[in-house]
C-alpha atoms as a PDB file:
ATOM      1  CA  MET A   1     175.508-157.736 -43.230  1.00  0.00           C
ATOM      2  CA  ILE A   2     173.457-154.099 -42.765  1.00  0.00           C
ATOM      3  CA  ASP A   3     170.524-154.039 -44.940  1.00  0.00           C
ATOM      4  CA  TYR A   4     168.356-150.288 -46.135  1.00  0.00           C
ATOM      5  CA  THR A   5     165.863-152.951 -48.109  1.00  0.00           C
ATOM      6  CA  PRO A   6     163.263-150.543 -44.922  1.00  0.00           C
ATOM      7  CA  PHE A   7     164.914-148.247 -45.773  1.00  0.00           C
ATOM      8  CA  TRP A   8     163.606-147.921 -49.702  1.00  0.00           C
ATOM      9  CA  ASN A   9     160.005-150.162 -48.552  1.00  0.00           C
ATOM     10  CA  THR A  10     159.184-146.636 -45.873  1.00  0.00           C
ATOM     11  CA  ILE A  11     159.717-144.270 -47.686  1.00  0.00           C
ATOM     12  CA  LYS A  12     157.433-146.168 -51.027  1.00  0.00           C
ATOM     13  CA  GLU A  13     154.534-146.721 -47.923  1.00  0.00           C
ATOM     14  CA  ARG A  14     154.244-143.061 -47.479  1.00  0.00           C
ATOM     15  CA  GLY A  15     155.126-141.634 -51.029  1.00  0.00           C
ATOM     16  CA  ILE A  16     158.022-140.230 -50.559  1.00  0.00           C
ATOM     17  CA  SER A  17     160.820-139.912 -53.191  1.00  0.00           C
ATOM     18  CA  THR A  18     164.566-140.186 -53.524  1.00  0.00           C
ATOM     19  CA  TYR A  19     163.944-136.949 -55.142  1.00  0.00           C
ATOM     20  CA  ALA A  20     162.018-134.915 -52.240  1.00  0.00           C
ATOM     21  CA  LEU A  21     164.637-136.782 -49.939  1.00  0.00           C
ATOM     22  CA  ILE A  22     167.413-134.410 -51.655  1.00  0.00           C
ATOM     23  CA  GLN A  23     165.417-131.412 -52.925  1.00  0.00           C
ATOM     24  CA  LYS A  24     163.194-130.594 -49.290  1.00  0.00           C
ATOM     25  CA  GLU A  25     165.606-132.475 -47.135  1.00  0.00           C
ATOM     26  CA  ASN A  26     168.644-131.696 -48.330  1.00  0.00           C
ATOM     27  CA  VAL A  27     169.850-136.155 -48.698  1.00  0.00           C
ATOM     28  CA  ASN A  28     172.875-136.652 -50.083  1.00  0.00           C
ATOM     29  CA  ASN A  29     172.817-138.268 -53.460  1.00  0.00           C
ATOM     30  CA  GLY A  30     175.982-140.143 -51.592  1.00  0.00           C
ATOM     31  CA  THR A  31     173.903-140.937 -49.392  1.00  0.00           C
ATOM     32  CA  LEU A  32     171.193-143.086 -51.095  1.00  0.00           C
ATOM     33  CA  TYR A  33     173.807-144.015 -53.454  1.00  0.00           C
ATOM     34  CA  ARG A  34     175.837-145.752 -50.840  1.00  0.00           C
ATOM     35  CA  MET A  35     172.005-147.754 -49.809  1.00  0.00           C
ATOM     36  CA  ARG A  36     171.645-148.773 -53.344  1.00  0.00           C
ATOM     37  CA  LYS A  37     174.476-150.241 -52.806  1.00  0.00           C
ATOM     38  CA  GLN A  38     174.350-151.691 -49.148  1.00  0.00           C
ATOM     39  CA  LYS A  39     177.595-149.906 -48.269  1.00  0.00           C
ATOM     40  CA  PRO A  40     178.152-148.116 -44.877  1.00  0.00           C
ATOM     41  CA  LEU A  41     176.668-145.033 -43.868  1.00  0.00           C
ATOM     42  CA  SER A  42     177.730-143.252 -40.380  1.00  0.00           C
ATOM     43  CA  THR A  43     175.354-143.197 -37.427  1.00  0.00           C
ATOM     44  CA  THR A  44     174.739-139.754 -37.922  1.00  0.00           C
ATOM     45  CA  THR A  45     173.657-140.333 -41.299  1.00  0.00           C
ATOM     46  CA  LEU A  46     170.915-142.670 -40.098  1.00  0.00           C
ATOM     47  CA  ASP A  47     169.854-140.630 -37.083  1.00  0.00           C
ATOM     48  CA  ASP A  48     169.659-137.920 -39.278  1.00  0.00           C
ATOM     49  CA  LEU A  49     167.418-140.217 -41.543  1.00  0.00           C
ATOM     50  CA  CYS A  50     165.033-141.039 -38.957  1.00  0.00           C
ATOM     51  CA  ARG A  51     164.703-137.222 -38.176  1.00  0.00           C
ATOM     52  CA  ILE A  52     163.450-136.524 -41.308  1.00  0.00           C
ATOM     53  CA  LEU A  53     161.270-139.802 -41.600  1.00  0.00           C
ATOM     54  CA  HIS A  54     160.472-139.194 -38.120  1.00  0.00           C
ATOM     55  CA  CYS A  55     160.420-143.102 -38.082  1.00  0.00           C
ATOM     56  CA  ARG A  56     162.429-145.642 -35.852  1.00  0.00           C
ATOM     57  CA  ILE A  57     165.946-147.468 -36.977  1.00  0.00           C
ATOM     58  CA  GLU A  58     164.377-150.388 -37.725  1.00  0.00           C
ATOM     59  CA  ASP A  59     162.243-148.752 -40.440  1.00  0.00           C
ATOM     60  CA  ILE A  60     165.697-147.767 -41.745  1.00  0.00           C
ATOM     61  CA  VAL A  61     167.793-151.072 -41.436  1.00  0.00           C
ATOM     62  CA  ARG A  62     168.161-154.574 -40.659  1.00  0.00           C
ATOM     63  CA  TYR A  63     171.045-156.946 -39.505  1.00  0.00           C
ATOM     64  CA  VAL A  64     171.427-159.387 -41.938  1.00  0.00           C
ATOM     65  CA  PRO A  65     173.446-162.186 -41.573  1.00  0.00           C
ATOM     66  CA  ASP A  66     175.977-163.682 -44.713  1.00  0.00           C
ATOM     67  CA  LYS A  67     177.687-167.134 -44.590  1.00  0.00           C
ATOM     68  CA  ASN A  68     180.877-165.378 -42.703  1.00  0.00           C
ATOM     69  CA  ASP A  69     179.233-164.499 -40.268  1.00  0.00           C
ATOM     70  CA  GLU A  70     177.626-168.405 -39.510  1.00  0.00           C
ATOM     71  CA  GLY A  71     181.002-170.497 -37.715  1.00  0.00           C
END
């Protein structure tokens, strides 16, 4: 499963609010909703977030195996 906890930690550490992302960077509110609900995002959206935050992909997402992956 893809987990967006690193994203929330990154914006918190940098003092960036979701309001600022929406208003100043034109991040779609639906994108933030999908991240809160651990829903999939396109690689284009992940690329945009990396560009906006000047960070690596690891600062936005991480892979966490779920119970079904532990064969």
